[in-house]
Amino acid sequence: MNWRRGPGLPSGLLRDRVTIQTSTAGSADATGYNVVTWANLAATPTVWAKIDDTSGMVYWQGQQLTPETTHVVTIRRRMDVKPEMRIQWTVGSVTHTAYIKASLTDYGRMKESTILHCKERIVD
């Protein structure tokens, strides 16, 4: 099926709202560990996106089972998104956080989108 009716990425495919965040310089807490804080990306941090779940697994870490999901997220072209950032989105009352592992900008024939490969680690 060809979704293209004109130049650019079809808006009907982008159905999720995600917020792009970047880590800020953390400060040491009372025990001496650096605490990483996150802030929204400066210019237009919330964008429309298409989120595809590509795989999921559960592994043993720290004497507990930890589920992890991999996502491929498509957004309109952005040059300021880097692999050390993260995205957040809400489904119902649950907020999801996925860390960007790689990004591919200028994807597609018209170079209209950025593809983000993310990992979401679910923590209770």
Protein backbone atom coordinates (compact mmCIF):
# COMPACT_ATOMS: atom_id res chain seq x y z
CA MET A 1 0.00 0.00 0.00
CA ASN A 2 1.39 3.38 -0.95
CA TRP A 3 0.72 6.02 1.71
CA ARG A 4 2.42 8.79 -0.20
CA ARG A 5 0.13 11.43 -1.66
CA GLY A 6 2.73 14.16 -1.73
CA PRO A 7 6.12 15.05 -0.29
CA GLY A 8 6.83 14.30 3.35
CA LEU A 9 5.82 11.75 5.94
CA PRO A 10 2.07 10.98 6.08
CA SER A 11 0.63 12.44 9.28
CA GLY A 12 -1.86 9.57 9.68
CA LEU A 13 0.96 7.17 10.59
CA LEU A 14 2.15 9.31 13.51
CA ARG A 15 -0.44 8.56 16.22
CA ASP A 16 1.53 8.72 19.48
CA ARG A 17 2.82 11.79 21.34
CA VAL A 18 6.35 11.36 22.71
CA THR A 19 8.49 13.72 24.75
CA ILE A 20 12.22 13.77 23.99
CA GLN A 21 14.44 14.25 27.04
CA THR A 22 18.14 14.76 27.59
CA SER A 23 20.19 14.02 30.69
CA THR A 24 21.56 16.91 32.68
CA ALA A 25 24.70 16.98 34.78
CA GLY A 26 23.90 15.05 37.92
CA SER A 27 24.96 15.92 41.41
CA ALA A 28 26.10 13.56 44.13
CA ASP A 29 23.50 12.41 46.63
CA ALA A 30 24.10 11.78 50.36
CA THR A 31 25.80 8.45 49.61
CA GLY A 32 28.16 9.94 47.00
CA TYR A 33 26.51 8.48 43.90
CA ASN A 34 25.82 10.74 40.92
CA VAL A 35 22.11 11.21 40.37
CA VAL A 36 21.16 11.64 36.72
CA THR A 37 18.28 14.04 36.11
CA TRP A 38 16.32 14.42 32.89
CA ALA A 39 14.96 17.57 31.25
CA ASN A 40 12.81 18.06 28.17
CA LEU A 41 14.69 18.93 25.01
CA ALA A 42 14.71 22.72 24.60
CA ALA A 43 12.85 23.39 21.35
CA THR A 44 9.55 21.48 20.86
CA PRO A 45 10.23 18.46 23.09
CA THR A 46 6.85 16.79 22.39
CA VAL A 47 6.36 15.43 18.87
CA TRP A 48 4.08 13.04 17.00
CA ALA A 49 5.53 9.56 16.51
CA LYS A 50 4.85 6.03 15.34
CA ILE A 51 5.92 3.45 17.94
CA ASP A 52 6.49 -0.15 16.85
CA ASP A 53 7.26 -2.86 19.41
CA THR A 54 9.86 -5.09 17.77
CA SER A 55 10.82 -7.56 20.49
CA GLY A 56 10.61 -8.27 24.16
CA MET A 57 12.38 -10.46 26.68
CA VAL A 58 12.69 -11.10 30.37
CA TYR A 59 16.07 -11.59 32.03
CA TRP A 60 17.44 -12.15 35.52
CA GLN A 61 19.13 -9.11 37.08
CA GLY A 62 19.80 -8.32 40.72
CA GLN A 63 17.92 -11.39 41.95
CA GLN A 64 14.73 -10.40 40.14
CA LEU A 65 13.19 -10.83 36.71
CA THR A 66 13.45 -7.68 34.59
CA PRO A 67 11.34 -7.31 31.43
CA GLU A 68 12.75 -5.34 28.51
CA THR A 69 11.08 -4.25 25.27
CA THR A 70 12.69 -2.95 22.08
CA HIS A 71 10.93 -0.25 20.06
CA VAL A 72 11.45 1.39 16.70
CA VAL A 73 10.10 4.95 16.85
CA THR A 74 9.56 7.08 13.74
CA ILE A 75 9.35 10.86 14.10
CA ARG A 76 9.54 13.75 11.67
CA ARG A 77 13.09 14.76 10.76
CA ARG A 78 15.08 16.10 13.71
CA MET A 79 18.79 16.77 13.74
CA ASP A 80 19.05 17.32 17.52
CA VAL A 81 18.15 13.79 18.73
CA LYS A 82 21.14 11.81 20.00
CA PRO A 83 21.58 8.22 21.25
CA GLU A 84 22.18 9.34 24.86
CA MET A 85 18.65 10.77 25.11
CA ARG A 86 15.35 9.11 26.04
CA ILE A 87 11.69 9.38 25.10
CA GLN A 88 8.55 9.18 27.24
CA TRP A 89 4.94 8.56 26.28
CA THR A 90 1.73 7.71 28.09
CA VAL A 91 -0.76 4.98 27.29
CA GLY A 92 -3.82 5.23 29.51
CA SER A 93 -2.42 5.87 32.99
CA VAL A 94 0.97 4.23 32.36
CA THR A 95 4.00 6.33 31.43
CA HIS A 96 6.61 4.48 29.35
CA THR A 97 10.28 5.46 29.18
CA ALA A 98 12.61 4.17 26.45
CA TYR A 99 16.29 4.97 26.08
CA ILE A 100 17.53 5.80 22.59
CA LYS A 101 20.30 3.39 21.55
CA ALA A 102 20.71 4.58 17.94
CA SER A 103 19.12 7.09 15.61
CA LEU A 104 18.99 7.24 11.84
CA THR A 105 18.17 10.65 10.40
CA ASP A 106 17.25 11.43 6.79
CA TYR A 107 15.42 8.17 6.34
CA GLY A 108 13.21 7.59 3.34
CA ARG A 109 13.14 8.77 -0.21
CA MET A 110 12.39 12.37 0.74
CA LYS A 111 14.68 12.31 3.82
CA GLU A 112 11.69 13.27 5.92
CA SER A 113 11.99 11.18 9.06
CA THR A 114 14.24 10.13 11.91
CA ILE A 115 14.18 6.51 13.08
CA LEU A 116 14.97 5.88 16.76
CA HIS A 117 15.96 2.44 18.01
CA CYS A 118 15.04 2.36 21.71
CA LYS A 119 15.07 0.01 24.67
CA GLU A 120 12.44 0.18 27.38
CA ARG A 121 13.26 -1.43 30.69
CA ILE A 122 10.18 -1.94 32.82
CA VAL A 123 10.88 -1.30 36.51
CA ASP A 124 8.24 -1.61 39.22
